[in-house]
Amino acid sequence: MKLSEAVKYFRQQVKVTCTDGQVVTGKFDDYQSDAESLDEPNTIGIDNGAGIIVDIPVDEVASIAAM
């Protein structure tokens, strides 16, 4: 998935399915693009509700859907 496709869900409750089958749910709270850091991959950050942000590389996102 491309970061430009994922950011339309920013600040929404989402369900993210990763390419390895793992599912992460929570609020899409953060993202990092190559423009911010050239040595790290694009990532999205999902707040799991316990105040923990789960960072997921965008290239490992199989799908994302609003809940």
PDB file of N, CA and C in Angstrom:
ATOM      1  N   MET A   1       0.850  -1.177   0.000  1.00  0.00           N
ATOM      2  CA  MET A   1       0.000   0.000   0.000  1.00  0.00           C
ATOM      3  C   MET A   1       0.894   1.237   0.000  1.00  0.00           C
ATOM      4  N   LYS A   2       0.416   2.287  -0.590  1.00  0.00           N
ATOM      5  CA  LYS A   2       1.139   3.556  -0.598  1.00  0.00           C
ATOM      6  C   LYS A   2       0.653   4.422   0.556  1.00  0.00           C
ATOM      7  N   LEU A   3       1.561   5.237   1.084  1.00  0.00           N
ATOM      8  CA  LEU A   3       1.198   6.137   2.178  1.00  0.00           C
ATOM      9  C   LEU A   3       0.067   7.064   1.764  1.00  0.00           C
ATOM     10  N   SER A   4       0.072   7.526   0.516  1.00  0.00           N
ATOM     11  CA  SER A   4      -0.979   8.435   0.047  1.00  0.00           C
ATOM     12  C   SER A   4      -2.359   7.785   0.089  1.00  0.00           C
ATOM     13  N   GLU A   5      -2.426   6.464  -0.034  1.00  0.00           N
ATOM     14  CA  GLU A   5      -3.691   5.746   0.065  1.00  0.00           C
ATOM     15  C   GLU A   5      -4.133   5.611   1.525  1.00  0.00           C
ATOM     16  N   ALA A   6      -3.179   5.413   2.416  1.00  0.00           N
ATOM     17  CA  ALA A   6      -3.481   5.185   3.830  1.00  0.00           C
ATOM     18  C   ALA A   6      -3.908   6.447   4.567  1.00  0.00           C
ATOM     19  N   VAL A   7      -3.322   7.606   4.229  1.00  0.00           N
ATOM     20  CA  VAL A   7      -3.568   8.811   5.021  1.00  0.00           C
ATOM     21  C   VAL A   7      -5.010   9.313   4.968  1.00  0.00           C
ATOM     22  N   LYS A   8      -5.806   8.818   4.044  1.00  0.00           N
ATOM     23  CA  LYS A   8      -7.212   9.240   4.023  1.00  0.00           C
ATOM     24  C   LYS A   8      -7.957   8.757   5.268  1.00  0.00           C
ATOM     25  N   TYR A   9      -7.370   7.800   5.998  1.00  0.00           N
ATOM     26  CA  TYR A   9      -7.976   7.279   7.227  1.00  0.00           C
ATOM     27  C   TYR A   9      -7.424   7.958   8.486  1.00  0.00           C
ATOM     28  N   PHE A  10      -6.556   8.966   8.319  1.00  0.00           N
ATOM     29  CA  PHE A  10      -5.913   9.643   9.450  1.00  0.00           C
ATOM     30  C   PHE A  10      -6.951  10.148  10.451  1.00  0.00           C
ATOM     31  N   ARG A  11      -6.693   9.876  11.717  1.00  0.00           N
ATOM     32  CA  ARG A  11      -7.533  10.257  12.870  1.00  0.00           C
ATOM     33  C   ARG A  11      -8.838   9.462  12.968  1.00  0.00           C
ATOM     34  N   GLN A  12      -8.963   8.386  12.201  1.00  0.00           N
ATOM     35  CA  GLN A  12     -10.154   7.535  12.264  1.00  0.00           C
ATOM     36  C   GLN A  12      -9.820   6.225  12.983  1.00  0.00           C
ATOM     37  N   GLN A  13     -10.858   5.566  13.488  1.00  0.00           N
ATOM     38  CA  GLN A  13     -10.702   4.215  14.007  1.00  0.00           C
ATOM     39  C   GLN A  13     -10.575   3.287  12.804  1.00  0.00           C
ATOM     40  N   VAL A  14      -9.533   2.457  12.799  1.00  0.00           N
ATOM     41  CA  VAL A  14      -9.271   1.613  11.637  1.00  0.00           C
ATOM     42  C   VAL A  14      -8.952   0.173  12.032  1.00  0.00           C
ATOM     43  N   LYS A  15      -9.056  -0.682  11.040  1.00  0.00           N
ATOM     44  CA  LYS A  15      -8.607  -2.068  11.137  1.00  0.00           C
ATOM     45  C   LYS A  15      -7.562  -2.243  10.053  1.00  0.00           C
ATOM     46  N   VAL A  16      -6.336  -2.559  10.462  1.00  0.00           N
ATOM     47  CA  VAL A  16      -5.232  -2.739   9.526  1.00  0.00           C
ATOM     48  C   VAL A  16      -4.892  -4.226   9.464  1.00  0.00           C
ATOM     49  N   THR A  17      -4.903  -4.774   8.270  1.00  0.00           N
ATOM     50  CA  THR A  17      -4.471  -6.153   8.063  1.00  0.00           C
ATOM     51  C   THR A  17      -3.105  -6.107   7.397  1.00  0.00           C
ATOM     52  N   CYS A  18      -2.136  -6.759   8.030  1.00  0.00           N
ATOM     53  CA  CYS A  18      -0.766  -6.770   7.518  1.00  0.00           C
ATOM     54  C   CYS A  18      -0.563  -7.919   6.544  1.00  0.00           C
ATOM     55  N   THR A  19       0.507  -7.842   5.778  1.00  0.00           N
ATOM     56  CA  THR A  19       0.795  -8.867   4.779  1.00  0.00           C
ATOM     57  C   THR A  19       1.056 -10.229   5.411  1.00  0.00           C
ATOM     58  N   ASP A  20       1.440 -10.273   6.694  1.00  0.00           N
ATOM     59  CA  ASP A  20       1.671 -11.554   7.377  1.00  0.00           C
ATOM     60  C   ASP A  20       0.411 -12.080   8.061  1.00  0.00           C
ATOM     61  N   GLY A  21      -0.717 -11.373   7.886  1.00  0.00           N
ATOM     62  CA  GLY A  21      -1.988 -11.803   8.461  1.00  0.00           C
ATOM     63  C   GLY A  21      -2.330 -11.180   9.794  1.00  0.00           C
ATOM     64  N   GLN A  22      -1.395 -10.493  10.422  1.00  0.00           N
ATOM     65  CA  GLN A  22      -1.652  -9.827  11.701  1.00  0.00           C
ATOM     66  C   GLN A  22      -2.664  -8.709  11.494  1.00  0.00           C
ATOM     67  N   VAL A  23      -3.563  -8.548  12.468  1.00  0.00           N
ATOM     68  CA  VAL A  23      -4.577  -7.495  12.413  1.00  0.00           C
ATOM     69  C   VAL A  23      -4.353  -6.548  13.592  1.00  0.00           C
ATOM     70  N   VAL A  24      -4.332  -5.249  13.299  1.00  0.00           N
ATOM     71  CA  VAL A  24      -4.168  -4.218  14.316  1.00  0.00           C
ATOM     72  C   VAL A  24      -5.358  -3.276  14.211  1.00  0.00           C
ATOM     73  N   THR A  25      -6.015  -3.001  15.343  1.00  0.00           N
ATOM     74  CA  THR A  25      -7.133  -2.063  15.347  1.00  0.00           C
ATOM     75  C   THR A  25      -6.830  -0.920  16.296  1.00  0.00           C
ATOM     76  N   GLY A  26      -7.400   0.237  15.987  1.00  0.00           N
ATOM     77  CA  GLY A  26      -7.230   1.403  16.833  1.00  0.00           C
ATOM     78  C   GLY A  26      -7.349   2.676  16.020  1.00  0.00           C
ATOM     79  N   LYS A  27      -6.941   3.776  16.634  1.00  0.00           N
ATOM     80  CA  LYS A  27      -7.027   5.078  15.978  1.00  0.00           C
ATOM     81  C   LYS A  27      -5.747   5.334  15.185  1.00  0.00           C
ATOM     82  N   PHE A  28      -5.906   5.679  13.915  1.00  0.00           N
ATOM     83  CA  PHE A  28      -4.777   6.043  13.059  1.00  0.00           C
ATOM     84  C   PHE A  28      -4.288   7.395  13.560  1.00  0.00           C
ATOM     85  N   ASP A  29      -3.191   7.386  14.295  1.00  0.00           N
ATOM     86  CA  ASP A  29      -2.768   8.552  15.061  1.00  0.00           C
ATOM     87  C   ASP A  29      -1.540   9.268  14.509  1.00  0.00           C
ATOM     88  N   ASP A  30      -0.755   8.597  13.667  1.00  0.00           N
ATOM     89  CA  ASP A  30       0.520   9.173  13.265  1.00  0.00           C
ATOM     90  C   ASP A  30       0.972   8.535  11.953  1.00  0.00           C
ATOM     91  N   TYR A  31       1.805   9.258  11.213  1.00  0.00           N
ATOM     92  CA  TYR A  31       2.463   8.669  10.053  1.00  0.00           C
ATOM     93  C   TYR A  31       3.793   9.342   9.841  1.00  0.00           C
ATOM     94  N   GLN A  32       4.709   8.605   9.221  1.00  0.00           N
ATOM     95  CA  GLN A  32       6.028   9.145   8.902  1.00  0.00           C
ATOM     96  C   GLN A  32       6.305   8.855   7.440  1.00  0.00           C
ATOM     97  N   SER A  33       6.704   9.893   6.727  1.00  0.00           N
ATOM     98  CA  SER A  33       7.012   9.733   5.307  1.00  0.00           C
ATOM     99  C   SER A  33       8.506   9.840   5.078  1.00  0.00           C
ATOM    100  N   ASP A  34       8.936   9.435   3.895  1.00  0.00           N
ATOM    101  CA  ASP A  34      10.353   9.534   3.524  1.00  0.00           C
ATOM    102  C   ASP A  34      10.860  10.966   3.628  1.00  0.00           C
ATOM    103  N   ALA A  35       9.969  11.912   3.434  1.00  0.00           N
ATOM    104  CA  ALA A  35      10.386  13.318   3.488  1.00  0.00           C
ATOM    105  C   ALA A  35      10.880  13.697   4.881  1.00  0.00           C
ATOM    106  N   GLU A  36      10.429  12.971   5.902  1.00  0.00           N
ATOM    107  CA  GLU A  36      10.845  13.263   7.270  1.00  0.00           C
ATOM    108  C   GLU A  36      12.126  12.531   7.654  1.00  0.00           C
ATOM    109  N   SER A  37      12.340  11.357   7.093  1.00  0.00           N
ATOM    110  CA  SER A  37      13.510  10.573   7.438  1.00  0.00           C
ATOM    111  C   SER A  37      13.866   9.647   6.284  1.00  0.00           C
ATOM    112  N   LEU A  38      14.950   9.918   5.619  1.00  0.00           N
ATOM    113  CA  LEU A  38      15.329   9.154   4.442  1.00  0.00           C
ATOM    114  C   LEU A  38      15.822   7.744   4.749  1.00  0.00           C
ATOM    115  N   ASP A  39      16.251   7.494   5.991  1.00  0.00           N
ATOM    116  CA  ASP A  39      16.800   6.180   6.321  1.00  0.00           C
ATOM    117  C   ASP A  39      15.785   5.221   6.941  1.00  0.00           C
ATOM    118  N   GLU A  40      14.538   5.635   7.068  1.00  0.00           N
ATOM    119  CA  GLU A  40      13.502   4.775   7.630  1.00  0.00           C
ATOM    120  C   GLU A  40      12.346   4.657   6.643  1.00  0.00           C
ATOM    121  N   PRO A  41      11.618   3.531   6.700  1.00  0.00           N
ATOM    122  CA  PRO A  41      10.490   3.357   5.772  1.00  0.00           C
ATOM    123  C   PRO A  41       9.299   4.222   6.164  1.00  0.00           C
ATOM    124  N   ASN A  42       8.403   4.445   5.215  1.00  0.00           N
ATOM    125  CA  ASN A  42       7.127   5.096   5.535  1.00  0.00           C
ATOM    126  C   ASN A  42       6.392   4.209   6.525  1.00  0.00           C
ATOM    127  N   THR A  43       5.833   4.809   7.572  1.00  0.00           N
ATOM    128  CA  THR A  43       5.092   4.033   8.568  1.00  0.00           C
ATOM    129  C   THR A  43       3.798   4.741   8.926  1.00  0.00           C
ATOM    130  N   ILE A  44       2.844   3.954   9.432  1.00  0.00           N
ATOM    131  CA  ILE A  44       1.648   4.518  10.038  1.00  0.00           C
ATOM    132  C   ILE A  44       1.654   4.096  11.495  1.00  0.00           C
ATOM    133  N   GLY A  45       1.093   4.937  12.353  1.00  0.00           N
ATOM    134  CA  GLY A  45       1.031   4.646  13.779  1.00  0.00           C
ATOM    135  C   GLY A  45      -0.409   4.485  14.221  1.00  0.00           C
ATOM    136  N   ILE A  46      -0.709   3.343  14.829  1.00  0.00           N
ATOM    137  CA  ILE A  46      -2.056   3.044  15.291  1.00  0.00           C
ATOM    138  C   ILE A  46      -2.050   3.036  16.814  1.00  0.00           C
ATOM    139  N   ASP A  47      -2.889   3.888  17.428  1.00  0.00           N
ATOM    140  CA  ASP A  47      -3.036   3.927  18.889  1.00  0.00           C
ATOM    141  C   ASP A  47      -3.975   2.797  19.274  1.00  0.00           C
ATOM    142  N   ASN A  48      -3.466   1.825  20.035  1.00  0.00           N
ATOM    143  CA  ASN A  48      -4.257   0.639  20.351  1.00  0.00           C
ATOM    144  C   ASN A  48      -5.269   0.849  21.479  1.00  0.00           C
ATOM    145  N   GLY A  49      -5.412   2.081  21.959  1.00  0.00           N
ATOM    146  CA  GLY A  49      -6.391   2.376  23.002  1.00  0.00           C
ATOM    147  C   GLY A  49      -5.804   2.373  24.389  1.00  0.00           C
ATOM    148  N   ALA A  50      -4.613   1.811  24.544  1.00  0.00           N
ATOM    149  CA  ALA A  50      -3.935   1.787  25.840  1.00  0.00           C
ATOM    150  C   ALA A  50      -2.806   2.816  25.859  1.00  0.00           C
ATOM    151  N   GLY A  51      -2.835   3.734  24.889  1.00  0.00           N
ATOM    152  CA  GLY A  51      -1.804   4.761  24.811  1.00  0.00           C
ATOM    153  C   GLY A  51      -0.517   4.286  24.162  1.00  0.00           C
ATOM    154  N   ILE A  52      -0.542   3.106  23.571  1.00  0.00           N
ATOM    155  CA  ILE A  52       0.634   2.567  22.890  1.00  0.00           C
ATOM    156  C   ILE A  52       0.431   2.715  21.392  1.00  0.00           C
ATOM    157  N   ILE A  53       1.416   3.327  20.731  1.00  0.00           N
ATOM    158  CA  ILE A  53       1.361   3.499  19.284  1.00  0.00           C
ATOM    159  C   ILE A  53       2.100   2.328  18.636  1.00  0.00           C
ATOM    160  N   VAL A  54       1.393   1.594  17.783  1.00  0.00           N
ATOM    161  CA  VAL A  54       1.980   0.490  17.032  1.00  0.00           C
ATOM    162  C   VAL A  54       2.371   1.037  15.669  1.00  0.00           C
ATOM    163  N   ASP A  55       3.682   1.070  15.379  1.00  0.00           N
ATOM    164  CA  ASP A  55       4.162   1.537  14.079  1.00  0.00           C
ATOM    165  C   ASP A  55       4.197   0.378  13.105  1.00  0.00           C
ATOM    166  N   ILE A  56       3.602   0.584  11.938  1.00  0.00           N
ATOM    167  CA  ILE A  56       3.541  -0.443  10.903  1.00  0.00           C
ATOM    168  C   ILE A  56       4.127   0.129   9.623  1.00  0.00           C
ATOM    169  N   PRO A  57       5.170  -0.508   9.071  1.00  0.00           N
ATOM    170  CA  PRO A  57       5.684  -0.046   7.777  1.00  0.00           C
ATOM    171  C   PRO A  57       4.583  -0.139   6.714  1.00  0.00           C
ATOM    172  N   VAL A  58       4.430   0.894   5.927  1.00  0.00           N
ATOM    173  CA  VAL A  58       3.359   0.952   4.933  1.00  0.00           C
ATOM    174  C   VAL A  58       3.459  -0.192   3.932  1.00  0.00           C
ATOM    175  N   ASP A  59       4.672  -0.613   3.590  1.00  0.00           N
ATOM    176  CA  ASP A  59       4.807  -1.706   2.626  1.00  0.00           C
ATOM    177  C   ASP A  59       4.390  -3.058   3.203  1.00  0.00           C
ATOM    178  N   GLU A  60       4.101  -3.125   4.518  1.00  0.00           N
ATOM    179  CA  GLU A  60       3.597  -4.349   5.143  1.00  0.00           C
ATOM    180  C   GLU A  60       2.086  -4.310   5.374  1.00  0.00           C
ATOM    181  N   VAL A  61       1.419  -3.255   4.906  1.00  0.00           N
ATOM    182  CA  VAL A  61      -0.030  -3.128   5.055  1.00  0.00           C
ATOM    183  C   VAL A  61      -0.710  -3.752   3.833  1.00  0.00           C
ATOM    184  N   ALA A  62      -1.503  -4.798   4.093  1.00  0.00           N
ATOM    185  CA  ALA A  62      -2.255  -5.436   3.004  1.00  0.00           C
ATOM    186  C   ALA A  62      -3.538  -4.663   2.748  1.00  0.00           C
ATOM    187  N   SER A  63      -4.209  -4.219   3.841  1.00  0.00           N
ATOM    188  CA  SER A  63      -5.432  -3.432   3.691  1.00  0.00           C
ATOM    189  C   SER A  63      -5.663  -2.611   4.949  1.00  0.00           C
ATOM    190  N   ILE A  64      -6.434  -1.562   4.773  1.00  0.00           N
ATOM    191  CA  ILE A  64      -6.835  -0.715   5.890  1.00  0.00           C
ATOM    192  C   ILE A  64      -8.288  -0.306   5.644  1.00  0.00           C
ATOM    193  N   ALA A  65      -9.092  -0.344   6.710  1.00  0.00           N
ATOM    194  CA  ALA A  65     -10.512  -0.008   6.575  1.00  0.00           C
ATOM    195  C   ALA A  65     -10.972   0.742   7.812  1.00  0.00           C
ATOM    196  N   ALA A  66     -11.861   1.712   7.604  1.00  0.00           N
ATOM    197  CA  ALA A  66     -12.453   2.444   8.717  1.00  0.00           C
ATOM    198  C   ALA A  66     -13.400   1.506   9.462  1.00  0.00           C
ATOM    199  N   MET A  67     -13.492   1.712  10.768  1.00  0.00           N
ATOM    200  CA  MET A  67     -14.389   0.894  11.597  1.00  0.00           C
ATOM    201  C   MET A  67     -15.602   1.696  12.004  1.00  0.00           C
TER     202      MET A  67
END
